[in-house]
Amino acid sequence: MQERHAWYYLNLVEQADRYLRSSARETWLLQLRAEQENLRTALAWSLTSQGDLEAGIRIAGVLYWFWLHEGTWSEGRTWLEQLLARGPHHAGSIPLARAVHGLSVLVWVQGERQLAEHLAREAVALARHSEDNIMVATALRLLVQVEL
């Protein structure tokens, strides 16, 4: 039952991801806000021994944008740090690159420039390894901002 719950919410955030950087952003932010407890439940389950860590990383890799806009940077950072600490992960994974990128964004807005730069460099390397040019460009853009 918990697995189906997590996959349902993974599908929801992946659907939201297409719109979070569009004019429909507010609608999707409201939807995610209404589902926060369910999203937290899915993330918590993904960290258990029965959970699906990859699903949690995929969920959090999208939700960093939500946490950024909601101002819940510490919550997002905590989830991402816990998920990423549970490795090992597939180095060519786009969700992994997105999660590291998301963590670097949240760390940066919290004022930890040095850690943000380290994470941004890691996100660039992961994105290059995954051969996702859009993710490479996104990670490089953050790296440039952090280095300024």
C-alpha atoms as a PDB file:
ATOM      1  CA  MET A   1       0.000   0.000   0.000  1.00  0.00           C
ATOM      2  CA  GLN A   2       2.790   2.446   0.890  1.00  0.00           C
ATOM      3  CA  GLU A   3       4.546   1.679  -2.365  1.00  0.00           C
ATOM      4  CA  ARG A   4       1.442   2.538  -4.402  1.00  0.00           C
ATOM      5  CA  HIS A   5       1.051   5.722  -2.353  1.00  0.00           C
ATOM      6  CA  ALA A   6       4.629   6.755  -3.095  1.00  0.00           C
ATOM      7  CA  TRP A   7       4.294   6.012  -6.810  1.00  0.00           C
ATOM      8  CA  TYR A   8       1.055   7.986  -6.986  1.00  0.00           C
ATOM      9  CA  TYR A   9       2.809  11.023  -5.514  1.00  0.00           C
ATOM     10  CA  LEU A  10       5.853  10.494  -7.695  1.00  0.00           C
ATOM     11  CA  ASN A  11       3.539  10.668 -10.718  1.00  0.00           C
ATOM     12  CA  LEU A  12       1.916  13.805  -9.294  1.00  0.00           C
ATOM     13  CA  VAL A  13       5.201  15.680  -8.811  1.00  0.00           C
ATOM     14  CA  GLU A  14       6.488  14.592 -12.199  1.00  0.00           C
ATOM     15  CA  GLN A  15       3.299  15.943 -13.745  1.00  0.00           C
ATOM     16  CA  ALA A  16       3.702  19.167 -11.742  1.00  0.00           C
ATOM     17  CA  ASP A  17       7.313  19.468 -12.874  1.00  0.00           C
ATOM     18  CA  ARG A  18       6.189  20.278 -16.409  1.00  0.00           C
ATOM     19  CA  TYR A  19       4.308  23.321 -15.120  1.00  0.00           C
ATOM     20  CA  LEU A  20       6.334  24.677 -12.187  1.00  0.00           C
ATOM     21  CA  ARG A  21       8.297  26.975 -14.473  1.00  0.00           C
ATOM     22  CA  SER A  22       5.290  28.139 -16.492  1.00  0.00           C
ATOM     23  CA  SER A  23       2.320  30.447 -16.140  1.00  0.00           C
ATOM     24  CA  ALA A  24       0.484  27.535 -14.460  1.00  0.00           C
ATOM     25  CA  ARG A  25       3.000  27.508 -11.591  1.00  0.00           C
ATOM     26  CA  GLU A  26       0.610  28.919  -8.970  1.00  0.00           C
ATOM     27  CA  THR A  27      -2.009  26.249  -9.662  1.00  0.00           C
ATOM     28  CA  TRP A  28       0.548  23.498  -9.218  1.00  0.00           C
ATOM     29  CA  LEU A  29       2.120  25.091  -6.153  1.00  0.00           C
ATOM     30  CA  LEU A  30      -1.352  25.136  -4.575  1.00  0.00           C
ATOM     31  CA  GLN A  31      -1.835  21.467  -5.459  1.00  0.00           C
ATOM     32  CA  LEU A  32       1.530  20.500  -3.958  1.00  0.00           C
ATOM     33  CA  ARG A  33       0.835  22.628  -0.885  1.00  0.00           C
ATOM     34  CA  ALA A  34      -2.436  20.741  -0.371  1.00  0.00           C
ATOM     35  CA  GLU A  35      -0.588  17.413  -0.657  1.00  0.00           C
ATOM     36  CA  GLN A  36       2.365  18.240   1.604  1.00  0.00           C
ATOM     37  CA  GLU A  37       1.586  15.603   4.232  1.00  0.00           C
ATOM     38  CA  ASN A  38       1.160  12.920   1.597  1.00  0.00           C
ATOM     39  CA  LEU A  39       4.418  13.980  -0.052  1.00  0.00           C
ATOM     40  CA  ARG A  40       6.207  13.832   3.293  1.00  0.00           C
ATOM     41  CA  THR A  41       4.764  10.360   3.878  1.00  0.00           C
ATOM     42  CA  ALA A  42       6.017   9.192   0.482  1.00  0.00           C
ATOM     43  CA  LEU A  43       9.482  10.635   1.145  1.00  0.00           C
ATOM     44  CA  ALA A  44       9.644   9.091   4.614  1.00  0.00           C
ATOM     45  CA  TRP A  45       8.661   5.685   3.222  1.00  0.00           C
ATOM     46  CA  SER A  46      11.355   5.941   0.539  1.00  0.00           C
ATOM     47  CA  LEU A  47      13.946   6.196   3.321  1.00  0.00           C
ATOM     48  CA  THR A  48      12.831   2.968   5.019  1.00  0.00           C
ATOM     49  CA  SER A  49      14.319  -0.451   4.373  1.00  0.00           C
ATOM     50  CA  GLN A  50      11.140  -1.407   2.476  1.00  0.00           C
ATOM     51  CA  GLY A  51      11.059   1.896   0.574  1.00  0.00           C
ATOM     52  CA  ASP A  52      12.210   2.833  -2.882  1.00  0.00           C
ATOM     53  CA  LEU A  53      15.112   5.254  -2.533  1.00  0.00           C
ATOM     54  CA  GLU A  54      15.102   6.082  -6.242  1.00  0.00           C
ATOM     55  CA  ALA A  55      11.433   7.125  -6.024  1.00  0.00           C
ATOM     56  CA  GLY A  56      12.287   9.408  -3.104  1.00  0.00           C
ATOM     57  CA  ILE A  57      15.153  10.973  -5.026  1.00  0.00           C
ATOM     58  CA  ARG A  58      12.888  11.540  -8.015  1.00  0.00           C
ATOM     59  CA  ILE A  59      10.212  13.143  -5.828  1.00  0.00           C
ATOM     60  CA  ALA A  60      12.693  15.400  -4.014  1.00  0.00           C
ATOM     61  CA  GLY A  61      14.457  16.290  -7.276  1.00  0.00           C
ATOM     62  CA  VAL A  62      11.232  17.957  -8.394  1.00  0.00           C
ATOM     63  CA  LEU A  63      10.097  19.244  -5.006  1.00  0.00           C
ATOM     64  CA  TYR A  64      13.199  21.389  -4.490  1.00  0.00           C
ATOM     65  CA  TRP A  65      11.456  23.930  -6.744  1.00  0.00           C
ATOM     66  CA  PHE A  66       8.385  23.801  -4.490  1.00  0.00           C
ATOM     67  CA  TRP A  67      10.486  24.148  -1.319  1.00  0.00           C
ATOM     68  CA  LEU A  68      12.363  27.049  -2.881  1.00  0.00           C
ATOM     69  CA  HIS A  69       9.156  28.953  -3.679  1.00  0.00           C
ATOM     70  CA  GLU A  70       7.486  28.082  -0.390  1.00  0.00           C
ATOM     71  CA  GLY A  71      10.497  29.274   1.594  1.00  0.00           C
ATOM     72  CA  THR A  72      10.760  25.874   3.296  1.00  0.00           C
ATOM     73  CA  TRP A  73      14.420  25.606   2.439  1.00  0.00           C
ATOM     74  CA  SER A  74      15.437  23.735   5.593  1.00  0.00           C
ATOM     75  CA  GLU A  75      12.788  21.072   5.103  1.00  0.00           C
ATOM     76  CA  GLY A  76      13.822  20.521   1.499  1.00  0.00           C
ATOM     77  CA  ARG A  77      17.473  20.465   2.415  1.00  0.00           C
ATOM     78  CA  THR A  78      16.849  17.895   5.148  1.00  0.00           C
ATOM     79  CA  TRP A  79      14.933  15.559   2.813  1.00  0.00           C
ATOM     80  CA  LEU A  80      17.535  15.872   0.052  1.00  0.00           C
ATOM     81  CA  GLU A  81      20.471  15.352   2.420  1.00  0.00           C
ATOM     82  CA  GLN A  82      18.852  12.252   3.918  1.00  0.00           C
ATOM     83  CA  LEU A  83      18.038  10.767   0.524  1.00  0.00           C
ATOM     84  CA  LEU A  84      21.451  11.486  -0.976  1.00  0.00           C
ATOM     85  CA  ALA A  85      23.240  10.130   2.112  1.00  0.00           C
ATOM     86  CA  ARG A  86      21.562   6.757   1.593  1.00  0.00           C
ATOM     87  CA  GLY A  87      23.584   5.984  -1.589  1.00  0.00           C
ATOM     88  CA  PRO A  88      25.120   4.410  -3.518  1.00  0.00           C
ATOM     89  CA  HIS A  89      23.395   5.837  -6.541  1.00  0.00           C
ATOM     90  CA  HIS A  90      23.691   5.289 -10.277  1.00  0.00           C
ATOM     91  CA  ALA A  91      26.166   7.949 -11.490  1.00  0.00           C
ATOM     92  CA  GLY A  92      24.390   8.422 -14.826  1.00  0.00           C
ATOM     93  CA  SER A  93      21.061   9.097 -13.194  1.00  0.00           C
ATOM     94  CA  ILE A  94      19.266  12.269 -14.247  1.00  0.00           C
ATOM     95  CA  PRO A  95      17.149  12.193 -11.043  1.00  0.00           C
ATOM     96  CA  LEU A  96      20.358  12.053  -9.018  1.00  0.00           C
ATOM     97  CA  ALA A  97      21.761  15.075 -10.878  1.00  0.00           C
ATOM     98  CA  ARG A  98      18.498  16.924 -10.278  1.00  0.00           C
ATOM     99  CA  ALA A  99      18.502  16.076  -6.582  1.00  0.00           C
ATOM    100  CA  VAL A 100      22.090  17.264  -6.105  1.00  0.00           C
ATOM    101  CA  HIS A 101      21.282  20.391  -8.092  1.00  0.00           C
ATOM    102  CA  GLY A 102      18.201  20.987  -5.931  1.00  0.00           C
ATOM    103  CA  LEU A 103      20.256  20.594  -2.771  1.00  0.00           C
ATOM    104  CA  SER A 104      22.845  23.044  -4.104  1.00  0.00           C
ATOM    105  CA  VAL A 105      20.099  25.610  -4.781  1.00  0.00           C
ATOM    106  CA  LEU A 106      18.642  25.272  -1.283  1.00  0.00           C
ATOM    107  CA  VAL A 107      22.072  25.436   0.354  1.00  0.00           C
ATOM    108  CA  TRP A 108      22.922  28.515  -1.708  1.00  0.00           C
ATOM    109  CA  VAL A 109      19.766  30.415  -0.716  1.00  0.00           C
ATOM    110  CA  GLN A 110      20.615  29.578   2.900  1.00  0.00           C
ATOM    111  CA  GLY A 111      23.899  31.421   2.433  1.00  0.00           C
ATOM    112  CA  GLU A 112      26.329  28.497   2.409  1.00  0.00           C
ATOM    113  CA  ARG A 113      28.178  29.522  -0.727  1.00  0.00           C
ATOM    114  CA  GLN A 114      31.147  27.155  -0.406  1.00  0.00           C
ATOM    115  CA  LEU A 115      28.993  24.050   0.067  1.00  0.00           C
ATOM    116  CA  ALA A 116      26.638  25.239  -2.677  1.00  0.00           C
ATOM    117  CA  GLU A 117      29.581  25.573  -5.073  1.00  0.00           C
ATOM    118  CA  HIS A 118      30.809  22.072  -4.217  1.00  0.00           C
ATOM    119  CA  LEU A 119      27.328  20.622  -4.777  1.00  0.00           C
ATOM    120  CA  ALA A 120      26.833  22.619  -7.978  1.00  0.00           C
ATOM    121  CA  ARG A 121      30.091  21.195  -9.350  1.00  0.00           C
ATOM    122  CA  GLU A 122      28.901  17.704  -8.432  1.00  0.00           C
ATOM    123  CA  ALA A 123      25.572  18.366 -10.158  1.00  0.00           C
ATOM    124  CA  VAL A 124      27.389  19.499 -13.314  1.00  0.00           C
ATOM    125  CA  ALA A 125      29.510  16.323 -13.325  1.00  0.00           C
ATOM    126  CA  LEU A 126      26.463  14.098 -12.778  1.00  0.00           C
ATOM    127  CA  ALA A 127      24.510  15.910 -15.474  1.00  0.00           C
ATOM    128  CA  ARG A 128      27.378  15.531 -17.945  1.00  0.00           C
ATOM    129  CA  HIS A 129      27.625  11.836 -17.112  1.00  0.00           C
ATOM    130  CA  SER A 130      23.893  11.440 -17.748  1.00  0.00           C
ATOM    131  CA  GLU A 131      24.306  13.250 -21.090  1.00  0.00           C
ATOM    132  CA  ASP A 132      21.274  15.448 -20.392  1.00  0.00           C
ATOM    133  CA  ASN A 133      22.211  18.773 -21.990  1.00  0.00           C
ATOM    134  CA  ILE A 134      19.344  20.666 -20.383  1.00  0.00           C
ATOM    135  CA  MET A 135      20.410  19.474 -16.927  1.00  0.00           C
ATOM    136  CA  VAL A 136      24.043  20.341 -17.758  1.00  0.00           C
ATOM    137  CA  ALA A 137      22.997  23.886 -18.708  1.00  0.00           C
ATOM    138  CA  THR A 138      20.829  24.231 -15.593  1.00  0.00           C
ATOM    139  CA  ALA A 139      23.629  23.040 -13.319  1.00  0.00           C
ATOM    140  CA  LEU A 140      26.206  25.252 -15.039  1.00  0.00           C
ATOM    141  CA  ARG A 141      23.942  28.289 -14.685  1.00  0.00           C
ATOM    142  CA  LEU A 142      23.745  27.721 -10.935  1.00  0.00           C
ATOM    143  CA  LEU A 143      27.496  27.161 -10.710  1.00  0.00           C
ATOM    144  CA  VAL A 144      28.120  30.520 -12.392  1.00  0.00           C
ATOM    145  CA  GLN A 145      25.675  32.252 -10.009  1.00  0.00           C
ATOM    146  CA  VAL A 146      27.286  30.647  -6.965  1.00  0.00           C
ATOM    147  CA  GLU A 147      30.781  31.623  -8.088  1.00  0.00           C
ATOM    148  CA  LEU A 148      29.850  35.310  -8.564  1.00  0.00           C
END
